[in-house]
Amino acid sequence: HYIINMARLSTAIALCLAASASAFAPAQQAAQTSALNLAPEKSIGAQAPIGFFDPLGFVKNGPYGSPEENFEHYRGVEVKHGRIAMAAVVGMLTQQTTRFEGFLAPSSDLKFSDVPNGLGALKAVPLEGWAQMAVLIGAHEMLIKQRPGKAPGDFGTGYFGVSLDDQSSKQLSALSAEVSNGRLAMLGILGMFASEIVHNGEVLAETKLFG
């Protein structure tokens, strides 16, 4: 069973790497053009060797208006999920070696160090904790809005508080890197979850290969 599981995992990793190859390609076209008011085929994220990838026609046939409006919506969703995935990957790696001190739920005598890394946390965190997180996420969605006329994912907060000039080469390079890293992170966190399931709940089992 171990050999079969490792073979499946190797196949999944190979497919993920093949699909994410475009994340490492330079976006030369995007760096020379505007992030807004462009055909999707020429926008940031349409990177070699795959280019613009929409085999199911969501941009053309989506429910949000014109192809440009559909693209803006889906790009905003992609950027948001990419940001969440990047935070999740960093969180998984950090929690493998480091935990907060103190109690997560004092009433339940539950410490942060008692919560397992990975999917096991879904069962360990009390319902009240998940409710608080849901309220916080909902408040974020309601109060922090996309700025009209700006690149998808622009909420007016800059990049870690640093504002970049609109359509400057520095901004376009940063946007391209964010989309690429977000795509890779989405594959990465899914790979971590898949590995945990394949290895019967053991988190980041592959790290043993490095001693």
C-alpha atoms as a PDB file:
ATOM      1  CA  HIS A   1       0.000   0.000   0.000  1.00  0.00           C
ATOM      2  CA  TYR A   2       2.850   2.367   0.777  1.00  0.00           C
ATOM      3  CA  ILE A   3       4.335   1.891  -2.707  1.00  0.00           C
ATOM      4  CA  ILE A   4       0.932   2.434  -4.349  1.00  0.00           C
ATOM      5  CA  ASN A   5       0.270   5.577  -2.294  1.00  0.00           C
ATOM      6  CA  MET A   6       3.705   6.986  -3.074  1.00  0.00           C
ATOM      7  CA  ALA A   7       3.155   6.276  -6.772  1.00  0.00           C
ATOM      8  CA  ARG A   8      -0.151   8.115  -6.671  1.00  0.00           C
ATOM      9  CA  LEU A   9       1.405  11.005  -4.821  1.00  0.00           C
ATOM     10  CA  SER A  10       4.291  11.185  -7.302  1.00  0.00           C
ATOM     11  CA  THR A  11       1.840  11.264 -10.193  1.00  0.00           C
ATOM     12  CA  ALA A  12      -0.188  14.026  -8.532  1.00  0.00           C
ATOM     13  CA  ILE A  13       2.914  16.075  -7.872  1.00  0.00           C
ATOM     14  CA  ALA A  14       4.073  15.667 -11.472  1.00  0.00           C
ATOM     15  CA  LEU A  15       0.709  16.839 -12.794  1.00  0.00           C
ATOM     16  CA  CYS A  16       0.700  19.811 -10.427  1.00  0.00           C
ATOM     17  CA  LEU A  17       4.196  20.813 -11.485  1.00  0.00           C
ATOM     18  CA  ALA A  18       3.270  20.559 -15.151  1.00  0.00           C
ATOM     19  CA  ALA A  19       0.170  22.674 -14.634  1.00  0.00           C
ATOM     20  CA  SER A  20       2.064  25.286 -12.641  1.00  0.00           C
ATOM     21  CA  ALA A  21       4.973  25.614 -15.045  1.00  0.00           C
ATOM     22  CA  SER A  22       3.574  28.905 -16.305  1.00  0.00           C
ATOM     23  CA  ALA A  23       3.928  30.372 -12.817  1.00  0.00           C
ATOM     24  CA  PHE A  24       7.676  30.628 -13.317  1.00  0.00           C
ATOM     25  CA  ALA A  25       7.627  32.113 -16.797  1.00  0.00           C
ATOM     26  CA  PRO A  26       8.352  35.839 -17.182  1.00  0.00           C
ATOM     27  CA  ALA A  27       5.345  37.948 -18.140  1.00  0.00           C
ATOM     28  CA  GLN A  28       7.069  40.101 -20.740  1.00  0.00           C
ATOM     29  CA  GLN A  29       3.865  40.995 -22.507  1.00  0.00           C
ATOM     30  CA  ALA A  30       2.147  41.989 -19.262  1.00  0.00           C
ATOM     31  CA  ALA A  31       5.060  44.160 -18.181  1.00  0.00           C
ATOM     32  CA  GLN A  32       4.658  46.291 -21.305  1.00  0.00           C
ATOM     33  CA  THR A  33       0.902  46.832 -21.148  1.00  0.00           C
ATOM     34  CA  SER A  34      -1.836  47.964 -18.825  1.00  0.00           C
ATOM     35  CA  ALA A  35      -3.451  45.612 -16.332  1.00  0.00           C
ATOM     36  CA  LEU A  36      -6.880  47.070 -17.098  1.00  0.00           C
ATOM     37  CA  ASN A  37      -8.954  47.483 -20.239  1.00  0.00           C
ATOM     38  CA  LEU A  38      -7.108  44.725 -22.050  1.00  0.00           C
ATOM     39  CA  ALA A  39      -8.244  41.603 -23.812  1.00  0.00           C
ATOM     40  CA  PRO A  40      -7.822  38.678 -21.387  1.00  0.00           C
ATOM     41  CA  GLU A  41      -5.388  37.062 -23.812  1.00  0.00           C
ATOM     42  CA  LYS A  42      -2.938  39.960 -23.292  1.00  0.00           C
ATOM     43  CA  SER A  43      -3.434  40.628 -19.586  1.00  0.00           C
ATOM     44  CA  ILE A  44      -1.242  39.809 -16.598  1.00  0.00           C
ATOM     45  CA  GLY A  45      -1.418  36.094 -15.891  1.00  0.00           C
ATOM     46  CA  ALA A  46      -1.483  35.005 -19.523  1.00  0.00           C
ATOM     47  CA  GLN A  47       2.022  33.631 -19.273  1.00  0.00           C
ATOM     48  CA  ALA A  48       4.112  31.368 -21.457  1.00  0.00           C
ATOM     49  CA  PRO A  49       4.099  28.524 -22.272  1.00  0.00           C
ATOM     50  CA  ILE A  50       0.356  28.095 -21.691  1.00  0.00           C
ATOM     51  CA  GLY A  51      -0.806  31.665 -22.282  1.00  0.00           C
ATOM     52  CA  PHE A  52      -4.463  32.472 -21.694  1.00  0.00           C
ATOM     53  CA  PHE A  53      -6.127  29.312 -20.364  1.00  0.00           C
ATOM     54  CA  ASP A  54      -9.929  29.115 -20.270  1.00  0.00           C
ATOM     55  CA  PRO A  55     -10.946  25.772 -21.816  1.00  0.00           C
ATOM     56  CA  LEU A  56     -14.516  25.932 -20.424  1.00  0.00           C
ATOM     57  CA  GLY A  57     -15.214  29.421 -21.743  1.00  0.00           C
ATOM     58  CA  PHE A  58     -16.009  31.064 -18.406  1.00  0.00           C
ATOM     59  CA  VAL A  59     -14.748  34.450 -19.609  1.00  0.00           C
ATOM     60  CA  LYS A  60     -16.784  34.397 -22.805  1.00  0.00           C
ATOM     61  CA  ASN A  61     -19.969  32.869 -21.383  1.00  0.00           C
ATOM     62  CA  GLY A  62     -19.875  33.969 -17.742  1.00  0.00           C
ATOM     63  CA  PRO A  63     -22.847  35.588 -15.951  1.00  0.00           C
ATOM     64  CA  TYR A  64     -21.167  38.881 -14.995  1.00  0.00           C
ATOM     65  CA  GLY A  65     -21.589  40.782 -18.264  1.00  0.00           C
ATOM     66  CA  SER A  66     -19.126  41.232 -21.101  1.00  0.00           C
ATOM     67  CA  PRO A  67     -16.049  39.037 -21.464  1.00  0.00           C
ATOM     68  CA  GLU A  68     -13.993  41.864 -19.928  1.00  0.00           C
ATOM     69  CA  GLU A  69     -16.331  42.051 -16.909  1.00  0.00           C
ATOM     70  CA  ASN A  70     -16.309  38.289 -16.526  1.00  0.00           C
ATOM     71  CA  PHE A  71     -12.532  38.280 -16.695  1.00  0.00           C
ATOM     72  CA  GLU A  72     -12.250  41.041 -14.084  1.00  0.00           C
ATOM     73  CA  HIS A  73     -14.499  39.090 -11.712  1.00  0.00           C
ATOM     74  CA  TYR A  74     -12.688  35.784 -12.136  1.00  0.00           C
ATOM     75  CA  ARG A  75      -9.278  37.431 -11.888  1.00  0.00           C
ATOM     76  CA  GLY A  76     -10.362  39.043  -8.604  1.00  0.00           C
ATOM     77  CA  VAL A  77     -11.433  35.630  -7.318  1.00  0.00           C
ATOM     78  CA  GLU A  78      -8.140  34.098  -8.460  1.00  0.00           C
ATOM     79  CA  VAL A  79      -6.092  36.790  -6.719  1.00  0.00           C
ATOM     80  CA  LYS A  80      -8.095  36.418  -3.504  1.00  0.00           C
ATOM     81  CA  HIS A  81      -7.772  32.637  -3.438  1.00  0.00           C
ATOM     82  CA  GLY A  82      -4.090  32.932  -4.275  1.00  0.00           C
ATOM     83  CA  ARG A  83      -3.530  35.249  -1.319  1.00  0.00           C
ATOM     84  CA  ILE A  84      -5.377  32.890   1.009  1.00  0.00           C
ATOM     85  CA  ALA A  85      -3.394  29.933  -0.313  1.00  0.00           C
ATOM     86  CA  MET A  86      -0.075  31.738   0.164  1.00  0.00           C
ATOM     87  CA  ALA A  87      -1.011  32.474   3.785  1.00  0.00           C
ATOM     88  CA  ALA A  88      -2.109  28.848   4.239  1.00  0.00           C
ATOM     89  CA  VAL A  89       1.171  27.438   2.914  1.00  0.00           C
ATOM     90  CA  VAL A  90       3.205  29.711   5.169  1.00  0.00           C
ATOM     91  CA  GLY A  91       0.939  28.761   8.083  1.00  0.00           C
ATOM     92  CA  MET A  92       1.366  25.040   7.482  1.00  0.00           C
ATOM     93  CA  LEU A  93       5.145  25.335   7.348  1.00  0.00           C
ATOM     94  CA  THR A  94       5.300  27.598  10.411  1.00  0.00           C
ATOM     95  CA  GLN A  95       3.008  25.467  12.547  1.00  0.00           C
ATOM     96  CA  GLN A  96       5.162  22.444  11.878  1.00  0.00           C
ATOM     97  CA  THR A  97       7.828  23.898  14.167  1.00  0.00           C
ATOM     98  CA  THR A  98       6.274  26.868  16.021  1.00  0.00           C
ATOM     99  CA  ARG A  99       3.103  27.514  18.041  1.00  0.00           C
ATOM    100  CA  PHE A 100       1.639  30.456  19.917  1.00  0.00           C
ATOM    101  CA  GLU A 101       1.845  30.380  23.674  1.00  0.00           C
ATOM    102  CA  GLY A 102      -1.335  30.457  25.722  1.00  0.00           C
ATOM    103  CA  PHE A 103      -4.883  29.197  25.351  1.00  0.00           C
ATOM    104  CA  LEU A 104      -6.976  29.036  22.212  1.00  0.00           C
ATOM    105  CA  ALA A 105     -10.124  28.233  24.216  1.00  0.00           C
ATOM    106  CA  PRO A 106      -9.645  28.803  27.983  1.00  0.00           C
ATOM    107  CA  SER A 107     -13.117  27.457  28.776  1.00  0.00           C
ATOM    108  CA  SER A 108     -12.151  24.155  27.160  1.00  0.00           C
ATOM    109  CA  ASP A 109      -8.597  24.201  28.555  1.00  0.00           C
ATOM    110  CA  LEU A 110      -7.412  24.044  24.931  1.00  0.00           C
ATOM    111  CA  LYS A 111      -3.965  25.479  24.209  1.00  0.00           C
ATOM    112  CA  PHE A 112      -2.629  26.505  20.820  1.00  0.00           C
ATOM    113  CA  SER A 113      -0.028  23.769  21.168  1.00  0.00           C
ATOM    114  CA  ASP A 114      -2.845  21.195  21.495  1.00  0.00           C
ATOM    115  CA  VAL A 115      -4.187  21.931  18.017  1.00  0.00           C
ATOM    116  CA  PRO A 116      -2.598  19.667  15.386  1.00  0.00           C
ATOM    117  CA  ASN A 117      -1.175  21.047  12.190  1.00  0.00           C
ATOM    118  CA  GLY A 118      -3.048  20.408   8.956  1.00  0.00           C
ATOM    119  CA  LEU A 119      -6.537  19.013   8.512  1.00  0.00           C
ATOM    120  CA  GLY A 120      -6.617  17.685  12.070  1.00  0.00           C
ATOM    121  CA  ALA A 121      -7.262  21.243  13.252  1.00  0.00           C
ATOM    122  CA  LEU A 122     -10.758  21.077  11.731  1.00  0.00           C
ATOM    123  CA  LYS A 123     -11.857  18.751  14.526  1.00  0.00           C
ATOM    124  CA  ALA A 124      -9.751  20.273  17.303  1.00  0.00           C
ATOM    125  CA  VAL A 125     -10.929  23.880  17.117  1.00  0.00           C
ATOM    126  CA  PRO A 126     -14.251  24.405  18.969  1.00  0.00           C
ATOM    127  CA  LEU A 127     -17.364  25.505  17.082  1.00  0.00           C
ATOM    128  CA  GLU A 128     -17.215  28.906  18.794  1.00  0.00           C
ATOM    129  CA  GLY A 129     -13.766  29.449  17.302  1.00  0.00           C
ATOM    130  CA  TRP A 130     -14.956  28.697  13.795  1.00  0.00           C
ATOM    131  CA  ALA A 131     -17.933  31.029  14.337  1.00  0.00           C
ATOM    132  CA  GLN A 132     -15.589  33.876  15.278  1.00  0.00           C
ATOM    133  CA  MET A 133     -13.480  33.278  12.181  1.00  0.00           C
ATOM    134  CA  ALA A 134     -16.603  33.210  10.002  1.00  0.00           C
ATOM    135  CA  VAL A 135     -17.764  36.542  11.440  1.00  0.00           C
ATOM    136  CA  LEU A 136     -14.334  38.108  10.863  1.00  0.00           C
ATOM    137  CA  ILE A 137     -14.210  36.872   7.265  1.00  0.00           C
ATOM    138  CA  GLY A 138     -17.769  38.086   6.656  1.00  0.00           C
ATOM    139  CA  ALA A 139     -16.944  41.524   8.063  1.00  0.00           C
ATOM    140  CA  HIS A 140     -13.897  41.707   5.787  1.00  0.00           C
ATOM    141  CA  GLU A 141     -16.022  40.831   2.758  1.00  0.00           C
ATOM    142  CA  MET A 142     -18.654  43.434   3.675  1.00  0.00           C
ATOM    143  CA  LEU A 143     -16.408  46.334   4.672  1.00  0.00           C
ATOM    144  CA  ILE A 144     -13.337  46.070   2.426  1.00  0.00           C
ATOM    145  CA  LYS A 145     -14.268  46.492  -1.208  1.00  0.00           C
ATOM    146  CA  GLN A 146     -12.505  46.376  -4.539  1.00  0.00           C
ATOM    147  CA  ARG A 147     -11.628  49.878  -5.775  1.00  0.00           C
ATOM    148  CA  PRO A 148     -13.577  50.699  -8.962  1.00  0.00           C
ATOM    149  CA  GLY A 149     -11.445  51.033 -12.050  1.00  0.00           C
ATOM    150  CA  LYS A 150      -8.402  49.454 -10.425  1.00  0.00           C
ATOM    151  CA  ALA A 151      -6.708  46.128 -11.018  1.00  0.00           C
ATOM    152  CA  PRO A 152      -8.565  43.130  -9.527  1.00  0.00           C
ATOM    153  CA  GLY A 153      -7.525  42.666  -5.913  1.00  0.00           C
ATOM    154  CA  ASP A 154      -6.812  46.377  -5.330  1.00  0.00           C
ATOM    155  CA  PHE A 155      -8.503  47.333  -2.053  1.00  0.00           C
ATOM    156  CA  GLY A 156      -6.577  50.568  -1.574  1.00  0.00           C
ATOM    157  CA  THR A 157      -4.196  49.173   1.024  1.00  0.00           C
ATOM    158  CA  GLY A 158      -1.138  48.931  -1.228  1.00  0.00           C
ATOM    159  CA  TYR A 159       1.422  46.157  -0.995  1.00  0.00           C
ATOM    160  CA  PHE A 160       2.012  45.646   2.718  1.00  0.00           C
ATOM    161  CA  GLY A 161       1.144  49.314   3.126  1.00  0.00           C
ATOM    162  CA  VAL A 162       3.424  50.493   0.298  1.00  0.00           C
ATOM    163  CA  SER A 163       1.611  52.276  -2.517  1.00  0.00           C
ATOM    164  CA  LEU A 164       2.803  51.705  -6.074  1.00  0.00           C
ATOM    165  CA  ASP A 165       2.127  54.008  -9.008  1.00  0.00           C
ATOM    166  CA  ASP A 166      -0.663  52.782 -11.272  1.00  0.00           C
ATOM    167  CA  GLN A 167       0.586  50.896 -14.316  1.00  0.00           C
ATOM    168  CA  SER A 168       4.242  51.460 -13.483  1.00  0.00           C
ATOM    169  CA  SER A 169       6.610  48.686 -14.468  1.00  0.00           C
ATOM    170  CA  LYS A 170       7.171  48.001 -10.760  1.00  0.00           C
ATOM    171  CA  GLN A 171       3.455  47.595 -10.115  1.00  0.00           C
ATOM    172  CA  LEU A 172       2.895  45.368 -13.138  1.00  0.00           C
ATOM    173  CA  SER A 173       5.854  43.210 -12.134  1.00  0.00           C
ATOM    174  CA  ALA A 174       4.463  42.898  -8.604  1.00  0.00           C
ATOM    175  CA  LEU A 175       0.997  41.980  -9.893  1.00  0.00           C
ATOM    176  CA  SER A 176       2.459  39.361 -12.213  1.00  0.00           C
ATOM    177  CA  ALA A 177       4.503  37.844  -9.385  1.00  0.00           C
ATOM    178  CA  GLU A 178       1.473  37.796  -7.094  1.00  0.00           C
ATOM    179  CA  VAL A 179      -0.685  35.946  -9.623  1.00  0.00           C
ATOM    180  CA  SER A 180       2.091  33.430 -10.311  1.00  0.00           C
ATOM    181  CA  ASN A 181       2.878  32.812  -6.644  1.00  0.00           C
ATOM    182  CA  GLY A 182      -0.814  32.565  -5.815  1.00  0.00           C
ATOM    183  CA  ARG A 183      -1.335  29.879  -8.440  1.00  0.00           C
ATOM    184  CA  LEU A 184       1.630  27.926  -7.168  1.00  0.00           C
ATOM    185  CA  ALA A 185       0.404  28.298  -3.564  1.00  0.00           C
ATOM    186  CA  MET A 186      -3.055  26.973  -4.466  1.00  0.00           C
ATOM    187  CA  LEU A 187      -1.439  23.866  -5.897  1.00  0.00           C
ATOM    188  CA  GLY A 188       0.924  23.721  -2.929  1.00  0.00           C
ATOM    189  CA  ILE A 189      -1.708  23.760  -0.194  1.00  0.00           C
ATOM    190  CA  LEU A 190      -3.830  21.199  -2.060  1.00  0.00           C
ATOM    191  CA  GLY A 191      -0.717  19.027  -2.377  1.00  0.00           C
ATOM    192  CA  MET A 192      -0.085  19.311   1.360  1.00  0.00           C
ATOM    193  CA  PHE A 193      -3.645  18.248   2.132  1.00  0.00           C
ATOM    194  CA  ALA A 194      -3.429  15.362  -0.341  1.00  0.00           C
ATOM    195  CA  SER A 195      -0.150  14.230   1.193  1.00  0.00           C
ATOM    196  CA  GLU A 196      -1.680  14.305   4.661  1.00  0.00           C
ATOM    197  CA  ILE A 197      -4.549  12.091   3.513  1.00  0.00           C
ATOM    198  CA  VAL A 198      -2.246   9.674   1.660  1.00  0.00           C
ATOM    199  CA  HIS A 199      -0.006   9.356   4.730  1.00  0.00           C
ATOM    200  CA  ASN A 200      -2.926   8.690   7.088  1.00  0.00           C
ATOM    201  CA  GLY A 201      -2.870  12.046   8.844  1.00  0.00           C
ATOM    202  CA  GLU A 202       0.876  12.637   8.982  1.00  0.00           C
ATOM    203  CA  VAL A 203       1.543  16.258   8.053  1.00  0.00           C
ATOM    204  CA  LEU A 204       4.360  17.115   5.624  1.00  0.00           C
ATOM    205  CA  ALA A 205       5.682  13.549   5.653  1.00  0.00           C
ATOM    206  CA  GLU A 206       7.901  14.379   2.676  1.00  0.00           C
ATOM    207  CA  THR A 207      10.107  16.558   4.882  1.00  0.00           C
ATOM    208  CA  LYS A 208      11.596  13.366   6.298  1.00  0.00           C
ATOM    209  CA  LEU A 209      13.388  12.931   3.002  1.00  0.00           C
ATOM    210  CA  PHE A 210      15.579  15.877   3.992  1.00  0.00           C
ATOM    211  CA  GLY A 211      16.499  14.415   7.376  1.00  0.00           C
END
